Protein backbone atom coordinates (compact mmCIF):
# COMPACT_ATOMS: atom_id res chain seq x y z
CA UNK A 1 121.41 178.41 85.12
CA UNK A 2 124.58 176.68 86.49
CA UNK A 3 122.26 174.98 89.31
CA UNK A 4 119.93 173.12 86.74
CA UNK A 5 123.16 172.11 84.92
CA UNK A 6 124.83 170.99 88.23
CA UNK A 7 121.57 169.26 89.02
CA UNK A 8 121.36 167.47 85.62
CA UNK A 9 125.34 166.29 86.36
CA UNK A 10 124.51 165.52 89.83
CA UNK A 11 121.96 163.28 88.39
CA UNK A 12 123.83 161.97 85.66
CA UNK A 13 126.46 160.81 88.26
CA UNK A 14 123.78 159.08 90.17
CA UNK A 15 122.47 157.28 87.71
CA UNK A 16 125.96 155.69 86.57
CA UNK A 17 126.36 154.56 90.24
CA UNK A 18 123.20 153.19 90.33
CA UNK A 19 123.82 151.37 87.13
CA UNK A 20 127.77 150.40 88.57
CA UNK A 21 126.20 149.23 91.87
CA UNK A 22 123.29 146.93 90.14
CA UNK A 23 126.19 145.66 88.23
CA UNK A 24 128.25 145.05 91.14
CA UNK A 25 125.07 143.33 93.27
CA UNK A 26 124.63 141.38 90.02
CA UNK A 27 121.44 142.42 89.53
CA UNK A 28 122.35 143.66 85.87
CA UNK A 29 124.49 142.12 83.13
CA UNK A 30 125.38 145.09 80.59
CA UNK A 31 128.66 144.11 78.94
CA UNK A 32 129.13 147.93 78.01
CA UNK A 33 129.58 148.52 81.58
CA UNK A 34 130.96 145.59 82.80
CA UNK A 35 134.74 146.22 81.94
CA UNK A 36 134.85 149.80 83.16
CA UNK A 37 132.53 148.79 86.68
CA UNK A 38 135.09 145.67 87.17
CA UNK A 39 137.84 148.50 87.36
CA UNK A 40 135.87 150.77 89.10
CA UNK A 41 135.18 147.89 91.58
CA UNK A 42 138.49 147.10 92.11
CA UNK A 43 139.39 150.22 93.19
CA UNK A 44 136.32 151.01 95.47
CA UNK A 45 135.94 147.30 96.48
CA UNK A 46 136.01 147.85 100.24
CA UNK A 47 133.66 151.05 100.06
CA UNK A 48 130.98 149.33 97.57
CA UNK A 49 131.43 146.32 100.32
CA UNK A 50 130.40 148.44 103.26
CA UNK A 51 127.69 149.99 100.85
CA UNK A 52 126.20 146.48 99.22
CA UNK A 53 126.09 144.79 102.90
CA UNK A 54 123.08 145.65 104.15
CA UNK A 55 121.41 144.90 100.61
CA UNK A 56 122.89 141.41 100.54
CA UNK A 57 121.53 140.87 103.97
CA UNK A 58 118.13 141.35 102.90
CA UNK A 59 118.48 139.87 99.75
CA UNK A 60 119.48 136.44 101.68
CA UNK A 61 116.83 137.06 104.51
CA UNK A 62 114.22 137.40 101.41
CA UNK A 63 115.32 134.12 100.02
CA UNK A 64 115.64 132.35 103.31
CA UNK A 65 112.49 133.67 104.20
CA UNK A 66 110.80 131.85 100.89
CA UNK A 67 112.63 128.61 101.48
CA UNK A 68 110.97 128.42 104.66
CA UNK A 69 107.78 129.01 103.23
CA UNK A 70 108.91 126.23 101.09
CA UNK A 71 109.78 123.86 103.75
CA UNK A 72 106.90 124.70 106.12
CA UNK A 73 104.40 124.00 103.07
CA UNK A 74 106.32 120.70 102.42
CA UNK A 75 106.10 119.76 106.02
CA UNK A 76 102.33 120.22 105.80
CA UNK A 77 102.15 118.04 103.28
CA UNK A 78 104.32 115.40 104.09
CA UNK A 79 102.55 115.58 107.83
CA UNK A 80 99.13 115.33 106.23
CA UNK A 81 100.31 112.21 103.98
CA UNK A 82 101.56 110.23 107.17
CA UNK A 83 98.36 110.48 108.73
CA UNK A 84 96.24 109.20 106.01
CA UNK A 85 99.31 106.44 105.54
CA UNK A 86 98.69 105.50 109.45
CA UNK A 87 94.78 105.18 108.86
CA UNK A 88 95.20 103.27 105.77
CA UNK A 89 97.57 100.95 107.71
CA UNK A 90 95.38 100.98 110.98
CA UNK A 91 92.40 100.25 108.11
CA UNK A 92 94.51 97.69 106.77
CA UNK A 93 95.01 95.72 110.08
CA UNK A 94 91.39 96.35 110.73
CA UNK A 95 90.97 94.17 107.45
CA UNK A 96 93.33 91.79 108.25
CA UNK A 97 91.62 90.50 111.39
CA UNK A 98 88.09 90.22 109.62
CA UNK A 99 89.18 88.29 106.74
CA UNK A 100 91.85 86.10 108.64
CA UNK A 101 90.61 82.13 109.31
CA UNK A 102 87.59 82.91 107.20
CA UNK A 103 86.43 81.03 104.36
CA UNK A 104 83.68 83.79 103.21
CA UNK A 105 84.18 85.06 99.78
CA UNK A 106 83.91 88.36 98.68
CA UNK A 107 80.76 88.12 96.77
CA UNK A 108 79.28 87.42 100.15
CA UNK A 109 80.35 90.03 102.04
CA UNK A 110 81.03 93.90 101.37
CA UNK A 111 83.50 95.65 103.74
CA UNK A 112 83.07 99.57 104.41
CA UNK A 113 84.10 101.97 106.76
CA UNK A 114 81.49 103.28 109.61
CA UNK A 115 80.94 107.25 109.26
CA UNK A 116 79.44 109.09 112.55
CA UNK A 117 77.31 112.17 111.53
CA UNK A 118 75.53 114.38 113.57
CA UNK A 119 75.18 111.07 116.15
CA UNK A 120 73.61 109.10 113.11
CA UNK A 121 75.50 105.98 111.81
CA UNK A 122 76.17 105.23 108.13
CA UNK A 123 78.56 103.29 106.36
CA UNK A 124 80.48 104.58 103.32
CA UNK A 125 78.72 102.62 100.97
CA UNK A 126 75.57 101.46 99.46
CA UNK A 127 73.31 100.39 96.55
CA UNK A 128 76.28 100.72 93.91
CA UNK A 129 78.14 97.80 95.49
CA UNK A 130 74.45 95.88 95.98
CA UNK A 131 73.59 96.90 99.82
CA UNK A 132 70.23 96.32 100.79
CA UNK A 133 67.98 97.61 103.24
CA UNK A 134 67.88 94.75 106.42
CA UNK A 135 71.82 93.44 105.77
CA UNK A 136 73.62 92.75 108.70
CA UNK A 137 76.37 95.20 109.70
CA UNK A 138 78.99 92.93 111.63
CA UNK A 139 82.45 93.04 113.06
CA UNK A 140 83.89 89.81 113.43
CA UNK A 141 81.24 87.93 113.42
CA UNK A 142 79.35 90.43 115.92
CA UNK A 143 75.75 91.71 114.90
CA UNK A 144 76.18 95.51 115.61
CA UNK A 145 73.05 96.10 113.58
CA UNK A 146 70.97 96.33 110.50
CA UNK A 147 70.98 98.60 107.20
CA UNK A 148 68.45 101.02 107.31
CA UNK A 149 68.34 103.34 104.64
CA UNK A 150 70.07 102.88 101.34
CA UNK A 151 71.62 105.55 98.81
CA UNK A 152 73.87 105.07 96.20
CA UNK A 153 77.37 105.48 98.08
CA UNK A 154 76.29 105.53 101.79
CA UNK A 155 73.59 103.80 104.00
CA UNK A 156 72.06 104.38 107.71
CA UNK A 157 72.82 101.90 110.10
CA UNK A 158 70.20 101.46 113.23
CA UNK A 159 72.16 99.55 115.93
CA UNK A 160 70.77 97.01 118.10
CA UNK A 161 70.21 99.63 121.05
CA UNK A 162 68.39 101.59 118.51
CA UNK A 163 65.87 98.81 117.21
CA UNK A 164 62.31 100.43 119.09
CA UNK A 165 60.14 98.74 116.71
CA UNK A 166 61.79 95.61 115.47
CA UNK A 167 62.86 92.66 117.44
CA UNK A 168 65.13 89.83 116.32
CA UNK A 169 64.69 86.10 117.73
CA UNK A 170 68.13 85.08 119.65
CA UNK A 171 68.83 82.70 122.42
CA UNK A 172 71.73 81.78 124.50
CA UNK A 173 74.57 79.31 124.19
CA UNK A 174 72.47 77.21 127.27
CA UNK A 175 69.24 77.10 124.51
CA UNK A 176 67.08 79.93 126.05
CA UNK A 177 65.14 81.86 123.49
CA UNK A 178 63.83 85.35 123.50
CA UNK A 179 63.70 88.66 121.51
CA UNK A 180 66.49 91.25 121.33
CA UNK A 181 65.37 94.83 120.78
CA UNK A 182 66.60 98.34 121.95
CA UNK A 183 65.65 100.87 124.25
CA UNK A 184 67.79 104.08 122.82
CA UNK A 185 70.51 103.27 125.48
CA UNK A 186 70.91 99.02 125.71
CA UNK A 187 70.46 96.00 123.86
CA UNK A 188 67.71 94.01 125.72
CA UNK A 189 66.96 90.79 125.47
CA UNK A 190 62.81 90.23 126.32
CA UNK A 191 60.31 87.52 126.28
CA UNK A 192 62.46 85.00 128.33
CA UNK A 193 60.26 82.26 130.09
CA UNK A 194 60.51 83.13 133.64
CA UNK A 195 61.39 79.92 134.93
CA UNK A 196 64.03 80.10 132.62
CA UNK A 197 67.98 79.23 134.35
CA UNK A 198 69.37 82.64 132.82
CA UNK A 199 72.58 83.56 134.40
CA UNK A 200 75.07 86.93 134.09
CA UNK A 201 77.73 85.97 131.37
CA UNK A 202 75.97 83.54 129.43
CA UNK A 203 76.44 84.57 125.37
CA UNK A 204 73.30 85.60 123.41
CA UNK A 205 73.16 84.85 119.76
CA UNK A 206 70.73 85.35 116.79
CA UNK A 207 68.26 82.57 116.61
CA UNK A 208 66.94 81.10 112.61
CA UNK A 209 64.70 83.30 111.18
CA UNK A 210 64.10 85.24 107.95
CA UNK A 211 66.42 87.54 106.27
CA UNK A 212 69.49 87.05 108.96
CA UNK A 213 72.16 84.39 109.61
CA UNK A 214 71.79 82.09 112.42
CA UNK A 215 74.18 81.96 115.39
CA UNK A 216 75.81 85.83 114.91
CA UNK A 217 77.25 86.74 118.26
CA UNK A 218 74.99 89.73 119.59
CA UNK A 219 76.50 90.18 123.24
CA UNK A 220 76.65 88.70 126.72
CA UNK A 221 74.11 88.79 129.62
CA UNK A 222 75.05 91.77 132.02
CA UNK A 223 72.45 92.38 134.24
CA UNK A 224 68.85 90.27 134.94
CA UNK A 225 66.39 92.48 135.53
CA UNK A 226 64.02 92.16 138.66
CA UNK A 227 61.64 89.18 138.38
CA UNK A 228 58.09 90.04 138.75
CA UNK A 229 56.54 86.07 139.45
CA UNK A 230 52.81 87.28 138.59
CA UNK A 231 54.24 87.92 135.06
CA UNK A 232 55.02 85.21 132.52
CA UNK A 233 58.44 86.69 131.28
CA UNK A 234 61.23 88.39 132.38
CA UNK A 235 64.03 90.85 130.39
CA UNK A 236 67.78 91.12 130.75
CA UNK A 237 70.29 93.34 129.52
CA UNK A 238 72.69 92.39 126.90
CA UNK A 239 76.61 94.10 127.02
CA UNK A 240 77.92 93.93 123.20
CA UNK A 241 81.67 93.41 123.50
CA UNK A 242 82.09 95.38 120.08
CA UNK A 243 81.19 99.19 119.56
CA UNK A 244 80.41 100.57 116.19
CA UNK A 245 81.64 103.84 116.90
CA UNK A 246 85.38 103.04 117.75
CA UNK A 247 85.74 100.27 114.83
CA UNK A 248 87.49 101.23 111.61
CA UNK A 249 85.99 98.59 109.09
CA UNK A 250 82.70 97.08 108.90
CA UNK A 251 81.21 94.18 106.80
CA UNK A 252 77.70 93.75 105.65
CA UNK A 253 76.19 91.00 104.74
């Protein structure tokens, strides 16, 4: 029976000590124990400091970990925002290049960002902006391709190098006429008269035709294919100075 009472006393003492200890750590705010705890703390301050030291260290470490996680989260947000700002600055520079020294109006031209998906070419605009199939896709006056299929918010682009079944009327800056089409890898100038004085480096522009503006730059002659005297025409390869996959904004008109 005595042992049982001793256990109860011991538990009571531990409980009171635990309350004092929590009061010392400022985890509790019990006014009833406040004066008594302060008096006891004064007499046992060094002892309590030694006991409380690891708990205080743990509490500081816990707060420091929470601060570090918060800082990491804020850093991630700031990094993502910085990337977005950099992209917007780049787009703004491209937009400035497109619009500078130009007399075009916004009603004539739609400006959109190219989108590449699984090696297919799209622009991030569609019928909602008035885009129609067959519209020219340009960058700074250079023809890159034509709008193919149009959806509400995006449209696919058929690049000149992909135009197997369609050809465009074209002529060089020296007046040599021909047809422009693609072979899947390159842009080709075909149906050139065999006796035409075609030379490497000559510029190629669109010629007057329905649905496409005259005088749009296509590229320059980079190679003249072997001439067969038995044929009435010859072909040449056109190098485009602008790559659709490398620009941030294009014009659609």
